[in-house]
Amino acid sequence: MQCKNHPNHQAEFICSSCLEPLCRNCVIEGEQGKSFCRLCYMCYTVSKVDSLIKEGTDRVGEKKGQEKEQWGPFRYFMILSQVLILIMLIVIFFVR
């Protein structure tokens, strides 16, 4: 079997993705002993990075959801000011 990129070289490996024969100069060894051609290796690493990015954005989204549940000092200030305004209106209209 001949290498897909070098017809004068004997193929020693087969790409794990596209199943094309590869010589020692063309093969890129990935995780768990998988052999890839250059194009398939690029696609493999990009898809792996993409999945890591998605996991990271999911974690950030979960943290933002947790932060929204927490009450900050501004929210307490707004509630207190609304209660005080309500008390002032009650005093003005009903105490006369």
N, C-alpha and C. Protein backbone atom coordinates (compact mmCIF):
# COMPACT_ATOMS: atom_id res chain seq x y z
N MET A 1 0.85 -1.16 0.00
CA MET A 1 0.00 0.00 0.00
C MET A 1 0.91 1.24 0.00
N GLN A 2 0.55 2.22 -0.83
CA GLN A 2 1.34 3.43 -0.98
C GLN A 2 0.71 4.58 -0.18
N CYS A 3 1.57 5.48 0.29
CA CYS A 3 1.12 6.66 1.02
C CYS A 3 0.27 7.54 0.10
N LYS A 4 -0.77 8.15 0.63
CA LYS A 4 -1.63 8.98 -0.20
C LYS A 4 -0.93 10.26 -0.66
N ASN A 5 0.05 10.75 0.11
CA ASN A 5 0.78 11.98 -0.25
C ASN A 5 2.09 11.69 -0.98
N HIS A 6 2.71 10.56 -0.72
CA HIS A 6 3.99 10.18 -1.31
C HIS A 6 3.85 8.82 -1.98
N PRO A 7 3.55 8.78 -3.26
CA PRO A 7 3.33 7.50 -3.92
C PRO A 7 4.57 6.59 -3.95
N ASN A 8 5.76 7.17 -3.75
CA ASN A 8 6.96 6.35 -3.77
C ASN A 8 7.34 5.81 -2.39
N HIS A 9 6.56 6.13 -1.34
CA HIS A 9 6.80 5.62 0.02
C HIS A 9 5.77 4.56 0.37
N GLN A 10 6.22 3.59 1.10
CA GLN A 10 5.33 2.53 1.58
C GLN A 10 4.53 3.05 2.78
N ALA A 11 3.23 2.81 2.79
CA ALA A 11 2.37 3.24 3.90
C ALA A 11 2.56 2.31 5.09
N GLU A 12 2.80 2.92 6.26
CA GLU A 12 2.95 2.14 7.48
C GLU A 12 1.79 2.35 8.45
N PHE A 13 1.01 3.39 8.21
CA PHE A 13 -0.09 3.75 9.11
C PHE A 13 -1.35 3.99 8.29
N ILE A 14 -2.47 3.99 8.98
CA ILE A 14 -3.75 4.33 8.37
C ILE A 14 -4.40 5.39 9.25
N CYS A 15 -4.89 6.47 8.63
CA CYS A 15 -5.54 7.56 9.37
C CYS A 15 -6.77 7.00 10.08
N SER A 16 -6.90 7.34 11.36
CA SER A 16 -8.02 6.85 12.16
C SER A 16 -9.34 7.46 11.74
N SER A 17 -9.28 8.59 11.03
CA SER A 17 -10.52 9.27 10.65
C SER A 17 -10.93 8.98 9.21
N CYS A 18 -10.05 9.26 8.26
CA CYS A 18 -10.41 9.09 6.84
C CYS A 18 -9.96 7.75 6.26
N LEU A 19 -9.21 6.98 7.02
CA LEU A 19 -8.74 5.64 6.64
C LEU A 19 -7.83 5.63 5.41
N GLU A 20 -7.13 6.73 5.18
CA GLU A 20 -6.16 6.80 4.08
C GLU A 20 -4.82 6.25 4.55
N PRO A 21 -4.07 5.60 3.67
CA PRO A 21 -2.74 5.09 4.03
C PRO A 21 -1.73 6.23 4.14
N LEU A 22 -0.86 6.16 5.15
CA LEU A 22 0.12 7.22 5.41
C LEU A 22 1.50 6.64 5.65
N CYS A 23 2.51 7.36 5.19
CA CYS A 23 3.89 6.96 5.49
C CYS A 23 4.31 7.60 6.82
N ARG A 24 5.52 7.28 7.26
CA ARG A 24 6.01 7.79 8.53
C ARG A 24 6.15 9.32 8.52
N ASN A 25 6.40 9.92 7.36
CA ASN A 25 6.55 11.38 7.27
C ASN A 25 5.21 12.11 7.35
N CYS A 26 4.13 11.46 7.00
CA CYS A 26 2.83 12.11 6.95
C CYS A 26 1.98 11.90 8.20
N VAL A 27 2.29 10.92 8.99
CA VAL A 27 1.44 10.56 10.12
C VAL A 27 1.66 11.51 11.29
N ILE A 28 0.57 11.81 11.99
CA ILE A 28 0.61 12.55 13.25
C ILE A 28 -0.08 11.67 14.27
N GLU A 29 0.62 11.36 15.33
CA GLU A 29 0.05 10.49 16.35
C GLU A 29 -0.67 11.31 17.39
N GLY A 30 -1.93 10.96 17.62
CA GLY A 30 -2.75 11.65 18.60
C GLY A 30 -2.85 10.86 19.88
N GLU A 31 -3.88 11.17 20.64
CA GLU A 31 -4.10 10.49 21.91
C GLU A 31 -4.47 9.03 21.70
N GLN A 32 -4.16 8.23 22.67
CA GLN A 32 -4.53 6.81 22.72
C GLN A 32 -4.03 6.04 21.51
N GLY A 33 -2.88 6.44 20.95
CA GLY A 33 -2.28 5.71 19.85
C GLY A 33 -2.97 5.87 18.51
N LYS A 34 -3.83 6.86 18.37
CA LYS A 34 -4.51 7.09 17.09
C LYS A 34 -3.56 7.77 16.12
N SER A 35 -3.65 7.41 14.86
CA SER A 35 -2.83 8.01 13.81
C SER A 35 -3.73 8.85 12.91
N PHE A 36 -3.26 10.05 12.58
CA PHE A 36 -4.06 10.96 11.76
C PHE A 36 -3.22 11.53 10.62
N CYS A 37 -3.90 11.87 9.52
CA CYS A 37 -3.25 12.71 8.50
C CYS A 37 -3.35 14.15 9.00
N ARG A 38 -2.69 15.08 8.34
CA ARG A 38 -2.66 16.46 8.82
C ARG A 38 -4.06 17.09 8.88
N LEU A 39 -4.84 16.90 7.85
CA LEU A 39 -6.17 17.50 7.80
C LEU A 39 -7.07 16.93 8.89
N CYS A 40 -7.08 15.63 9.05
CA CYS A 40 -7.92 15.01 10.08
C CYS A 40 -7.46 15.39 11.48
N TYR A 41 -6.14 15.53 11.67
CA TYR A 41 -5.64 15.92 12.98
C TYR A 41 -6.08 17.34 13.32
N MET A 42 -6.05 18.25 12.33
CA MET A 42 -6.53 19.62 12.57
C MET A 42 -8.01 19.61 12.94
N CYS A 43 -8.81 18.85 12.22
CA CYS A 43 -10.24 18.76 12.52
C CYS A 43 -10.46 18.17 13.91
N TYR A 44 -9.68 17.16 14.26
CA TYR A 44 -9.80 16.51 15.56
C TYR A 44 -9.48 17.49 16.69
N THR A 45 -8.38 18.23 16.55
CA THR A 45 -8.00 19.17 17.62
C THR A 45 -8.97 20.34 17.70
N VAL A 46 -9.47 20.82 16.58
CA VAL A 46 -10.42 21.92 16.61
C VAL A 46 -11.71 21.49 17.28
N SER A 47 -12.19 20.31 16.98
CA SER A 47 -13.43 19.84 17.61
C SER A 47 -13.22 19.61 19.11
N LYS A 48 -12.03 19.19 19.49
CA LYS A 48 -11.73 18.99 20.91
C LYS A 48 -11.70 20.34 21.64
N VAL A 49 -11.08 21.35 21.03
CA VAL A 49 -11.04 22.69 21.63
C VAL A 49 -12.44 23.26 21.69
N ASP A 50 -13.23 23.03 20.65
CA ASP A 50 -14.60 23.54 20.63
C ASP A 50 -15.41 22.96 21.78
N SER A 51 -15.24 21.68 22.05
CA SER A 51 -15.98 21.07 23.17
C SER A 51 -15.50 21.64 24.51
N LEU A 52 -14.20 21.93 24.64
CA LEU A 52 -13.70 22.54 25.87
C LEU A 52 -14.26 23.95 26.05
N ILE A 53 -14.38 24.69 24.96
CA ILE A 53 -14.94 26.04 25.03
C ILE A 53 -16.40 25.98 25.45
N LYS A 54 -17.16 25.03 24.88
CA LYS A 54 -18.56 24.90 25.25
C LYS A 54 -18.71 24.54 26.72
N GLU A 55 -17.85 23.66 27.23
CA GLU A 55 -17.90 23.31 28.65
C GLU A 55 -17.62 24.53 29.51
N GLY A 56 -16.64 25.34 29.10
CA GLY A 56 -16.30 26.55 29.85
C GLY A 56 -17.43 27.55 29.86
N THR A 57 -18.07 27.76 28.72
CA THR A 57 -19.18 28.72 28.68
C THR A 57 -20.37 28.20 29.47
N ASP A 58 -20.58 26.89 29.51
CA ASP A 58 -21.65 26.34 30.33
C ASP A 58 -21.39 26.60 31.81
N ARG A 59 -20.13 26.43 32.22
CA ARG A 59 -19.79 26.68 33.62
C ARG A 59 -19.96 28.15 33.96
N VAL A 60 -19.57 29.04 33.05
CA VAL A 60 -19.73 30.48 33.30
C VAL A 60 -21.20 30.83 33.39
N GLY A 61 -22.03 30.23 32.52
CA GLY A 61 -23.46 30.48 32.57
C GLY A 61 -24.08 30.02 33.89
N GLU A 62 -23.61 28.90 34.41
CA GLU A 62 -24.10 28.42 35.70
C GLU A 62 -23.72 29.39 36.81
N LYS A 63 -22.50 29.90 36.77
CA LYS A 63 -22.05 30.84 37.80
C LYS A 63 -22.85 32.13 37.73
N LYS A 64 -23.15 32.61 36.51
CA LYS A 64 -23.93 33.83 36.37
C LYS A 64 -25.33 33.63 36.92
N GLY A 65 -25.90 32.44 36.69
CA GLY A 65 -27.21 32.14 37.25
C GLY A 65 -27.21 32.16 38.76
N GLN A 66 -26.13 31.69 39.36
CA GLN A 66 -26.02 31.70 40.81
C GLN A 66 -25.84 33.12 41.33
N GLU A 67 -25.11 33.94 40.60
CA GLU A 67 -24.89 35.32 41.03
C GLU A 67 -26.19 36.12 40.98
N LYS A 68 -27.06 35.83 40.04
CA LYS A 68 -28.31 36.57 39.94
C LYS A 68 -29.20 36.30 41.14
N GLU A 69 -29.08 35.14 41.74
CA GLU A 69 -29.91 34.80 42.88
C GLU A 69 -29.49 35.54 44.14
N GLN A 70 -28.26 36.00 44.21
CA GLN A 70 -27.77 36.69 45.39
C GLN A 70 -28.25 38.14 45.39
N TRP A 71 -28.62 38.63 46.56
CA TRP A 71 -29.08 40.00 46.69
C TRP A 71 -27.90 40.88 47.06
N GLY A 72 -27.73 41.95 46.34
CA GLY A 72 -26.65 42.88 46.63
C GLY A 72 -27.17 44.06 47.43
N PRO A 73 -26.29 44.96 47.85
CA PRO A 73 -26.69 46.12 48.66
C PRO A 73 -27.62 47.07 47.90
N PHE A 74 -27.49 47.16 46.58
CA PHE A 74 -28.36 48.04 45.82
C PHE A 74 -29.82 47.59 45.89
N ARG A 75 -30.04 46.29 45.83
CA ARG A 75 -31.40 45.78 45.89
C ARG A 75 -32.03 46.08 47.26
N TYR A 76 -31.26 45.95 48.34
CA TYR A 76 -31.77 46.29 49.67
C TYR A 76 -32.08 47.78 49.77
N PHE A 77 -31.23 48.60 49.20
CA PHE A 77 -31.45 50.05 49.21
C PHE A 77 -32.74 50.40 48.48
N MET A 78 -32.98 49.78 47.33
CA MET A 78 -34.19 50.07 46.55
C MET A 78 -35.44 49.66 47.33
N ILE A 79 -35.42 48.51 47.97
CA ILE A 79 -36.58 48.07 48.74
C ILE A 79 -36.83 49.00 49.92
N LEU A 80 -35.77 49.38 50.62
CA LEU A 80 -35.90 50.28 51.76
C LEU A 80 -36.43 51.64 51.33
N SER A 81 -35.95 52.17 50.24
CA SER A 81 -36.42 53.48 49.78
C SER A 81 -37.89 53.41 49.35
N GLN A 82 -38.33 52.32 48.73
CA GLN A 82 -39.73 52.18 48.34
C GLN A 82 -40.63 52.08 49.57
N VAL A 83 -40.18 51.38 50.59
CA VAL A 83 -40.96 51.28 51.83
C VAL A 83 -41.07 52.64 52.49
N LEU A 84 -40.00 53.40 52.52
CA LEU A 84 -40.04 54.74 53.12
C LEU A 84 -40.96 55.67 52.35
N ILE A 85 -40.93 55.59 51.04
CA ILE A 85 -41.83 56.42 50.22
C ILE A 85 -43.27 56.04 50.49
N LEU A 86 -43.56 54.75 50.60
CA LEU A 86 -44.91 54.30 50.90
C LEU A 86 -45.38 54.80 52.26
N ILE A 87 -44.51 54.75 53.25
CA ILE A 87 -44.86 55.26 54.60
C ILE A 87 -45.13 56.75 54.54
N MET A 88 -44.30 57.50 53.80
CA MET A 88 -44.51 58.94 53.67
C MET A 88 -45.85 59.25 53.01
N LEU A 89 -46.22 58.51 51.99
CA LEU A 89 -47.50 58.73 51.31
C LEU A 89 -48.68 58.42 52.23
N ILE A 90 -48.55 57.35 53.00
CA ILE A 90 -49.61 57.01 53.96
C ILE A 90 -49.77 58.11 54.99
N VAL A 91 -48.67 58.63 55.49
CA VAL A 91 -48.71 59.70 56.48
C VAL A 91 -49.33 60.95 55.88
N ILE A 92 -48.96 61.29 54.67
CA ILE A 92 -49.47 62.50 54.04
C ILE A 92 -50.97 62.42 53.79
N PHE A 93 -51.47 61.33 53.29
CA PHE A 93 -52.86 61.24 52.88
C PHE A 93 -53.83 60.81 53.99
N PHE A 94 -53.36 60.05 54.97
CA PHE A 94 -54.30 59.51 55.94
C PHE A 94 -54.16 60.11 57.35
N VAL A 95 -53.17 60.88 57.63
CA VAL A 95 -52.99 61.40 58.98
C VAL A 95 -53.64 62.77 59.11
N ARG A 96 -53.99 63.45 58.12
CA ARG A 96 -54.57 64.80 58.19
C ARG A 96 -55.79 64.83 59.00
